[in-house]
Amino acid sequence: MQTVDVAYGVLEYFHHLELTGVYDKEQAIKQAQKVINRLRYRDSEYFWIIDETPTMVMHPKYTDLIGKDLSDISDANGMFLFKEFVRVAKDQGDGFVEHLFTQSTVVKVSRAAKFHMLNISSPGDGLSVVRSIRVRLRELSQA
């Protein structure tokens, strides 16, 4: 799941521009968000940014979530997804969260990485596809 590294690199670049005086902190964050907002991989996969509260800072697909507190959003198992992303980013700096895709039985693995006060996440990657297939095969074998 090296795709998050691309978004992380964008943040590092704009942080460097802040440190060298090209942008102030607010401008650097806004410019980085603009770039990350446009990044795509595998044609339609994207990145989103939350802060530590967790509040949605940037989301290219669900713009109605921007500025909203995501603390109470849970998956079908009752795991508070965004709280878990923040916990992993805080505790590990960078790590993976296995969760169900919204309210379904499709297992996803998302990566959360902390950059100063922003947490960057991708909604899943190749590993999630493998695990999704395994879960589906398990369901079929139990039928």
N, C-alpha and C. Protein backbone atom coordinates (compact mmCIF):
# COMPACT_ATOMS: atom_id res chain seq x y z
N MET A 1 0.83 -1.19 0.00
CA MET A 1 0.00 0.00 0.00
C MET A 1 0.87 1.24 0.00
N GLN A 2 1.71 1.34 -0.99
CA GLN A 2 2.63 2.47 -1.08
C GLN A 2 1.96 3.70 -1.65
N THR A 3 0.70 3.59 -2.03
CA THR A 3 0.01 4.74 -2.60
C THR A 3 -0.08 5.89 -1.61
N VAL A 4 -0.24 5.60 -0.32
CA VAL A 4 -0.31 6.66 0.68
C VAL A 4 1.00 7.44 0.71
N ASP A 5 2.10 6.78 0.37
CA ASP A 5 3.40 7.45 0.34
C ASP A 5 3.40 8.61 -0.66
N VAL A 6 2.64 8.49 -1.73
CA VAL A 6 2.56 9.57 -2.72
C VAL A 6 1.91 10.80 -2.08
N ALA A 7 0.77 10.60 -1.41
CA ALA A 7 0.10 11.72 -0.74
C ALA A 7 0.99 12.29 0.36
N TYR A 8 1.67 11.42 1.08
CA TYR A 8 2.57 11.86 2.14
C TYR A 8 3.69 12.73 1.55
N GLY A 9 4.20 12.32 0.39
CA GLY A 9 5.24 13.09 -0.29
C GLY A 9 4.76 14.48 -0.69
N VAL A 10 3.51 14.59 -1.09
CA VAL A 10 2.93 15.90 -1.41
C VAL A 10 2.94 16.79 -0.18
N LEU A 11 2.53 16.22 0.97
CA LEU A 11 2.54 17.00 2.21
C LEU A 11 3.96 17.42 2.60
N GLU A 12 4.91 16.51 2.44
CA GLU A 12 6.31 16.85 2.75
C GLU A 12 6.80 18.00 1.87
N TYR A 13 6.46 17.94 0.59
CA TYR A 13 6.87 18.98 -0.35
C TYR A 13 6.32 20.35 0.06
N PHE A 14 5.03 20.41 0.36
CA PHE A 14 4.44 21.70 0.73
C PHE A 14 4.88 22.14 2.12
N HIS A 15 5.20 21.20 2.98
CA HIS A 15 5.77 21.56 4.28
C HIS A 15 7.15 22.20 4.08
N HIS A 16 7.92 21.65 3.16
CA HIS A 16 9.22 22.24 2.82
C HIS A 16 9.05 23.67 2.29
N LEU A 17 8.04 23.87 1.44
CA LEU A 17 7.79 25.21 0.91
C LEU A 17 7.39 26.18 2.03
N GLU A 18 6.70 25.65 3.05
CA GLU A 18 6.38 26.48 4.21
C GLU A 18 7.65 26.85 4.97
N LEU A 19 8.50 25.85 5.22
CA LEU A 19 9.72 26.08 5.99
C LEU A 19 10.68 27.03 5.29
N THR A 20 10.65 27.05 3.97
CA THR A 20 11.56 27.93 3.22
C THR A 20 10.93 29.30 2.92
N GLY A 21 9.70 29.52 3.42
CA GLY A 21 9.08 30.82 3.29
C GLY A 21 8.29 31.06 2.02
N VAL A 22 8.16 30.06 1.17
CA VAL A 22 7.38 30.23 -0.06
C VAL A 22 5.90 30.41 0.29
N TYR A 23 5.41 29.63 1.23
CA TYR A 23 4.02 29.71 1.70
C TYR A 23 4.01 29.82 3.22
N ASP A 24 2.95 30.45 3.76
CA ASP A 24 2.76 30.33 5.20
C ASP A 24 2.06 28.98 5.44
N LYS A 25 1.88 28.61 6.70
CA LYS A 25 1.34 27.28 7.02
C LYS A 25 -0.02 27.04 6.38
N GLU A 26 -0.91 28.00 6.50
CA GLU A 26 -2.26 27.84 5.95
C GLU A 26 -2.24 27.67 4.44
N GLN A 27 -1.42 28.47 3.76
CA GLN A 27 -1.31 28.35 2.30
C GLN A 27 -0.73 27.00 1.90
N ALA A 28 0.28 26.54 2.63
CA ALA A 28 0.91 25.25 2.33
C ALA A 28 -0.10 24.11 2.47
N ILE A 29 -0.89 24.15 3.55
CA ILE A 29 -1.90 23.11 3.76
C ILE A 29 -2.94 23.14 2.64
N LYS A 30 -3.41 24.32 2.29
CA LYS A 30 -4.43 24.44 1.23
C LYS A 30 -3.89 23.94 -0.11
N GLN A 31 -2.66 24.29 -0.43
CA GLN A 31 -2.08 23.84 -1.70
C GLN A 31 -1.90 22.33 -1.71
N ALA A 32 -1.42 21.78 -0.60
CA ALA A 32 -1.26 20.32 -0.52
C ALA A 32 -2.61 19.62 -0.65
N GLN A 33 -3.62 20.15 -0.01
CA GLN A 33 -4.96 19.56 -0.11
C GLN A 33 -5.47 19.58 -1.55
N LYS A 34 -5.22 20.68 -2.27
CA LYS A 34 -5.64 20.76 -3.67
C LYS A 34 -5.02 19.65 -4.50
N VAL A 35 -3.72 19.43 -4.29
CA VAL A 35 -3.03 18.39 -5.07
C VAL A 35 -3.55 17.01 -4.68
N ILE A 36 -3.62 16.73 -3.38
CA ILE A 36 -4.07 15.41 -2.91
C ILE A 36 -5.52 15.15 -3.33
N ASN A 37 -6.32 16.19 -3.35
CA ASN A 37 -7.71 16.06 -3.77
C ASN A 37 -7.83 15.54 -5.21
N ARG A 38 -6.84 15.83 -6.03
CA ARG A 38 -6.87 15.42 -7.45
C ARG A 38 -6.17 14.10 -7.71
N LEU A 39 -5.41 13.59 -6.74
CA LEU A 39 -4.68 12.34 -6.94
C LEU A 39 -5.64 11.16 -7.06
N ARG A 40 -5.35 10.27 -8.00
CA ARG A 40 -6.11 9.03 -8.17
C ARG A 40 -5.14 7.90 -8.44
N TYR A 41 -5.52 6.72 -8.03
CA TYR A 41 -4.78 5.52 -8.40
C TYR A 41 -5.80 4.46 -8.75
N ARG A 42 -5.39 3.53 -9.59
CA ARG A 42 -6.31 2.52 -10.12
C ARG A 42 -7.58 3.18 -10.67
N ASP A 43 -7.38 4.26 -11.36
CA ASP A 43 -8.44 5.03 -12.04
C ASP A 43 -9.39 5.77 -11.11
N SER A 44 -9.93 5.10 -10.09
CA SER A 44 -10.98 5.76 -9.30
C SER A 44 -10.70 5.81 -7.80
N GLU A 45 -9.61 5.23 -7.34
CA GLU A 45 -9.30 5.26 -5.91
C GLU A 45 -8.69 6.61 -5.56
N TYR A 46 -8.87 7.04 -4.33
CA TYR A 46 -8.51 8.41 -3.94
C TYR A 46 -8.02 8.43 -2.50
N PHE A 47 -7.64 9.61 -2.04
CA PHE A 47 -7.18 9.84 -0.67
C PHE A 47 -8.13 10.82 0.01
N TRP A 48 -8.16 10.75 1.31
CA TRP A 48 -8.90 11.73 2.10
C TRP A 48 -8.07 12.06 3.32
N ILE A 49 -8.36 13.21 3.92
CA ILE A 49 -7.58 13.67 5.07
C ILE A 49 -8.54 13.97 6.22
N ILE A 50 -8.18 13.45 7.40
CA ILE A 50 -8.92 13.76 8.62
C ILE A 50 -7.94 14.36 9.63
N ASP A 51 -8.48 15.08 10.60
CA ASP A 51 -7.63 15.55 11.68
C ASP A 51 -7.78 14.62 12.87
N GLU A 52 -7.21 14.98 14.00
CA GLU A 52 -7.18 14.07 15.15
C GLU A 52 -8.46 14.04 15.96
N THR A 53 -9.49 14.80 15.56
CA THR A 53 -10.70 14.86 16.39
C THR A 53 -11.68 13.70 16.20
N PRO A 54 -11.93 12.94 15.26
CA PRO A 54 -11.61 13.05 13.83
C PRO A 54 -12.68 13.84 13.05
N THR A 55 -12.23 14.86 12.39
CA THR A 55 -13.08 15.66 11.51
C THR A 55 -12.52 15.54 10.10
N MET A 56 -13.42 15.42 9.12
CA MET A 56 -12.98 15.33 7.72
C MET A 56 -12.44 16.68 7.29
N VAL A 57 -11.19 16.67 6.83
CA VAL A 57 -10.54 17.89 6.36
C VAL A 57 -10.66 17.99 4.84
N MET A 58 -10.48 16.87 4.14
CA MET A 58 -10.54 16.86 2.68
C MET A 58 -11.03 15.50 2.21
N HIS A 59 -11.99 15.49 1.31
CA HIS A 59 -12.48 14.25 0.70
C HIS A 59 -12.94 14.60 -0.71
N PRO A 60 -12.33 13.99 -1.73
CA PRO A 60 -12.68 14.36 -3.10
C PRO A 60 -14.04 13.86 -3.57
N LYS A 61 -14.55 12.81 -2.95
CA LYS A 61 -15.81 12.20 -3.40
C LYS A 61 -17.00 12.64 -2.55
N TYR A 62 -16.83 12.67 -1.25
CA TYR A 62 -17.91 13.02 -0.33
C TYR A 62 -17.63 14.38 0.31
N THR A 63 -17.77 15.41 -0.49
CA THR A 63 -17.47 16.76 -0.03
C THR A 63 -18.41 17.21 1.09
N ASP A 64 -19.59 16.60 1.19
CA ASP A 64 -20.53 16.95 2.25
C ASP A 64 -19.99 16.55 3.63
N LEU A 65 -18.98 15.68 3.68
CA LEU A 65 -18.38 15.27 4.95
C LEU A 65 -17.34 16.27 5.48
N ILE A 66 -16.86 17.15 4.62
CA ILE A 66 -15.81 18.09 5.02
C ILE A 66 -16.32 18.97 6.17
N GLY A 67 -15.53 19.00 7.24
CA GLY A 67 -15.88 19.77 8.42
C GLY A 67 -16.75 19.02 9.42
N LYS A 68 -17.14 17.79 9.08
CA LYS A 68 -18.01 17.02 9.97
C LYS A 68 -17.21 16.13 10.91
N ASP A 69 -17.70 15.98 12.13
CA ASP A 69 -17.13 15.08 13.12
C ASP A 69 -17.52 13.66 12.73
N LEU A 70 -16.53 12.79 12.58
CA LEU A 70 -16.76 11.42 12.12
C LEU A 70 -16.66 10.40 13.25
N SER A 71 -16.63 10.86 14.47
CA SER A 71 -16.42 9.99 15.63
C SER A 71 -17.41 8.86 15.74
N ASP A 72 -18.65 9.08 15.35
CA ASP A 72 -19.69 8.07 15.56
C ASP A 72 -19.92 7.15 14.37
N ILE A 73 -19.13 7.27 13.31
CA ILE A 73 -19.32 6.40 12.14
C ILE A 73 -18.66 5.06 12.41
N SER A 74 -19.44 3.99 12.26
CA SER A 74 -18.92 2.65 12.54
C SER A 74 -19.22 1.72 11.37
N ASP A 75 -18.48 0.61 11.32
CA ASP A 75 -18.74 -0.40 10.31
C ASP A 75 -19.77 -1.40 10.85
N ALA A 76 -20.03 -2.46 10.10
CA ALA A 76 -21.04 -3.44 10.48
C ALA A 76 -20.69 -4.18 11.77
N ASN A 77 -19.41 -4.21 12.14
CA ASN A 77 -18.99 -4.85 13.38
C ASN A 77 -19.03 -3.89 14.57
N GLY A 78 -19.39 -2.63 14.31
CA GLY A 78 -19.46 -1.66 15.39
C GLY A 78 -18.15 -0.94 15.67
N MET A 79 -17.12 -1.17 14.85
CA MET A 79 -15.84 -0.47 15.04
C MET A 79 -16.00 0.97 14.58
N PHE A 80 -15.60 1.91 15.41
CA PHE A 80 -15.64 3.32 15.05
C PHE A 80 -14.45 3.60 14.13
N LEU A 81 -14.73 3.60 12.84
CA LEU A 81 -13.68 3.62 11.81
C LEU A 81 -12.70 4.78 11.96
N PHE A 82 -13.21 5.97 12.02
CA PHE A 82 -12.33 7.13 12.00
C PHE A 82 -11.57 7.30 13.31
N LYS A 83 -12.17 6.91 14.40
CA LYS A 83 -11.44 6.90 15.67
C LYS A 83 -10.29 5.90 15.58
N GLU A 84 -10.53 4.77 14.92
CA GLU A 84 -9.48 3.76 14.77
C GLU A 84 -8.37 4.26 13.85
N PHE A 85 -8.72 4.96 12.77
CA PHE A 85 -7.69 5.53 11.90
C PHE A 85 -6.81 6.49 12.69
N VAL A 86 -7.43 7.34 13.51
CA VAL A 86 -6.67 8.30 14.32
C VAL A 86 -5.80 7.57 15.33
N ARG A 87 -6.35 6.55 15.99
CA ARG A 87 -5.58 5.79 16.98
C ARG A 87 -4.34 5.17 16.36
N VAL A 88 -4.51 4.53 15.21
CA VAL A 88 -3.38 3.90 14.53
C VAL A 88 -2.35 4.94 14.13
N ALA A 89 -2.81 6.04 13.56
CA ALA A 89 -1.87 7.10 13.14
C ALA A 89 -1.13 7.68 14.34
N LYS A 90 -1.84 7.90 15.45
CA LYS A 90 -1.20 8.45 16.66
C LYS A 90 -0.22 7.45 17.28
N ASP A 91 -0.66 6.21 17.44
CA ASP A 91 0.15 5.21 18.14
C ASP A 91 1.32 4.71 17.31
N GLN A 92 1.11 4.55 16.00
CA GLN A 92 2.13 3.94 15.15
C GLN A 92 2.76 4.90 14.17
N GLY A 93 2.11 6.04 13.93
CA GLY A 93 2.61 6.96 12.92
C GLY A 93 2.15 6.58 11.52
N ASP A 94 2.01 5.29 11.30
CA ASP A 94 1.65 4.75 9.99
C ASP A 94 1.24 3.31 10.21
N GLY A 95 0.07 2.94 9.76
CA GLY A 95 -0.35 1.56 9.97
C GLY A 95 -1.62 1.23 9.20
N PHE A 96 -2.11 0.03 9.42
CA PHE A 96 -3.24 -0.50 8.67
C PHE A 96 -4.43 -0.74 9.59
N VAL A 97 -5.62 -0.54 9.04
CA VAL A 97 -6.86 -0.80 9.76
C VAL A 97 -7.70 -1.73 8.90
N GLU A 98 -7.99 -2.92 9.43
CA GLU A 98 -8.88 -3.85 8.73
C GLU A 98 -10.29 -3.57 9.21
N HIS A 99 -11.20 -3.39 8.27
CA HIS A 99 -12.58 -3.04 8.62
C HIS A 99 -13.52 -3.54 7.54
N LEU A 100 -14.79 -3.50 7.84
CA LEU A 100 -15.79 -3.84 6.83
C LEU A 100 -16.09 -2.60 6.02
N PHE A 101 -16.35 -2.81 4.75
CA PHE A 101 -16.69 -1.70 3.88
C PHE A 101 -18.10 -1.26 4.21
N THR A 102 -18.24 -0.09 4.77
CA THR A 102 -19.50 0.48 5.26
C THR A 102 -20.29 -0.58 6.02
N GLN A 103 -21.48 -0.90 5.57
CA GLN A 103 -22.32 -1.85 6.32
C GLN A 103 -22.42 -3.20 5.60
N SER A 104 -21.38 -3.58 4.87
CA SER A 104 -21.40 -4.84 4.15
C SER A 104 -20.47 -5.85 4.81
N THR A 105 -20.30 -6.99 4.16
CA THR A 105 -19.39 -8.02 4.67
C THR A 105 -18.08 -8.03 3.91
N VAL A 106 -17.83 -7.02 3.08
CA VAL A 106 -16.59 -6.94 2.32
C VAL A 106 -15.50 -6.35 3.22
N VAL A 107 -14.46 -7.15 3.46
CA VAL A 107 -13.36 -6.70 4.31
C VAL A 107 -12.42 -5.82 3.51
N LYS A 108 -12.05 -4.69 4.09
CA LYS A 108 -11.09 -3.78 3.47
C LYS A 108 -9.93 -3.57 4.44
N VAL A 109 -8.81 -3.20 3.89
CA VAL A 109 -7.67 -2.80 4.69
C VAL A 109 -7.27 -1.41 4.21
N SER A 110 -7.32 -0.44 5.11
CA SER A 110 -6.95 0.93 4.77
C SER A 110 -5.71 1.31 5.55
N ARG A 111 -4.93 2.16 4.96
CA ARG A 111 -3.69 2.61 5.60
C ARG A 111 -3.88 4.03 6.11
N ALA A 112 -3.45 4.27 7.31
CA ALA A 112 -3.50 5.61 7.90
C ALA A 112 -2.08 6.05 8.21
N ALA A 113 -1.75 7.27 7.84
CA ALA A 113 -0.41 7.81 8.09
C ALA A 113 -0.55 9.20 8.68
N LYS A 114 0.23 9.47 9.70
CA LYS A 114 0.17 10.77 10.37
C LYS A 114 1.24 11.71 9.80
N PHE A 115 0.82 12.93 9.50
CA PHE A 115 1.74 13.97 9.09
C PHE A 115 1.41 15.20 9.92
N HIS A 116 2.24 15.49 10.88
CA HIS A 116 1.98 16.58 11.81
C HIS A 116 0.57 16.41 12.37
N MET A 117 -0.33 17.32 12.12
CA MET A 117 -1.67 17.19 12.72
C MET A 117 -2.71 16.67 11.72
N LEU A 118 -2.29 16.17 10.58
CA LEU A 118 -3.24 15.63 9.61
C LEU A 118 -3.00 14.14 9.45
N ASN A 119 -4.07 13.39 9.33
CA ASN A 119 -3.98 11.96 9.08
C ASN A 119 -4.45 11.71 7.65
N ILE A 120 -3.63 11.04 6.88
CA ILE A 120 -3.97 10.76 5.49
C ILE A 120 -4.37 9.31 5.39
N SER A 121 -5.44 9.03 4.71
CA SER A 121 -5.85 7.64 4.54
C SER A 121 -6.23 7.38 3.10
N SER A 122 -5.99 6.15 2.69
CA SER A 122 -6.51 5.69 1.41
C SER A 122 -7.58 4.67 1.74
N PRO A 123 -8.60 4.56 0.92
CA PRO A 123 -9.73 3.71 1.26
C PRO A 123 -9.48 2.22 1.11
N GLY A 124 -8.31 1.80 0.77
CA GLY A 124 -8.03 0.37 0.63
C GLY A 124 -7.11 0.16 -0.54
N ASP A 125 -6.55 -1.01 -0.64
CA ASP A 125 -5.60 -1.26 -1.71
C ASP A 125 -5.63 -2.72 -2.06
N GLY A 126 -4.58 -3.21 -2.72
CA GLY A 126 -4.54 -4.58 -3.20
C GLY A 126 -4.82 -5.62 -2.13
N LEU A 127 -4.30 -5.39 -0.94
CA LEU A 127 -4.51 -6.33 0.15
C LEU A 127 -5.98 -6.49 0.46
N SER A 128 -6.73 -5.41 0.35
CA SER A 128 -8.16 -5.50 0.64
C SER A 128 -8.87 -6.37 -0.38
N VAL A 129 -8.41 -6.32 -1.63
CA VAL A 129 -9.02 -7.15 -2.65
C VAL A 129 -8.81 -8.62 -2.31
N VAL A 130 -7.59 -8.97 -1.93
CA VAL A 130 -7.29 -10.36 -1.56
C VAL A 130 -8.15 -10.78 -0.38
N ARG A 131 -8.21 -9.95 0.64
CA ARG A 131 -9.01 -10.31 1.82
C ARG A 131 -10.49 -10.35 1.47
N SER A 132 -10.95 -9.46 0.60
CA SER A 132 -12.36 -9.48 0.19
C SER A 132 -12.68 -10.80 -0.49
N ILE A 133 -11.76 -11.25 -1.33
CA ILE A 133 -11.97 -12.53 -2.02
C ILE A 133 -11.99 -13.66 -1.00
N ARG A 134 -11.10 -13.65 -0.04
CA ARG A 134 -11.07 -14.69 0.97
C ARG A 134 -12.35 -14.72 1.78
N VAL A 135 -12.84 -13.56 2.15
CA VAL A 135 -14.07 -13.49 2.93
C VAL A 135 -15.22 -14.06 2.11
N ARG A 136 -15.30 -13.68 0.85
CA ARG A 136 -16.37 -14.16 -0.01
C ARG A 136 -16.26 -15.67 -0.19
N LEU A 137 -15.06 -16.19 -0.37
CA LEU A 137 -14.88 -17.65 -0.51
C LEU A 137 -15.30 -18.36 0.77
N ARG A 138 -14.98 -17.77 1.92
CA ARG A 138 -15.37 -18.35 3.19
C ARG A 138 -16.89 -18.40 3.30
N GLU A 139 -17.55 -17.33 2.89
CA GLU A 139 -19.01 -17.29 2.94
C GLU A 139 -19.62 -18.36 2.04
N LEU A 140 -19.04 -18.53 0.84
CA LEU A 140 -19.56 -19.52 -0.09
C LEU A 140 -19.35 -20.95 0.43
N SER A 141 -18.20 -21.18 1.08
CA SER A 141 -17.91 -22.52 1.58
C SER A 141 -18.81 -22.91 2.76
N GLN A 142 -19.34 -21.90 3.47
CA GLN A 142 -20.21 -22.18 4.60
C GLN A 142 -21.66 -22.33 4.19
N ALA A 143 -21.98 -22.04 2.93
CA ALA A 143 -23.38 -22.10 2.45
C ALA A 143 -23.81 -23.53 2.20
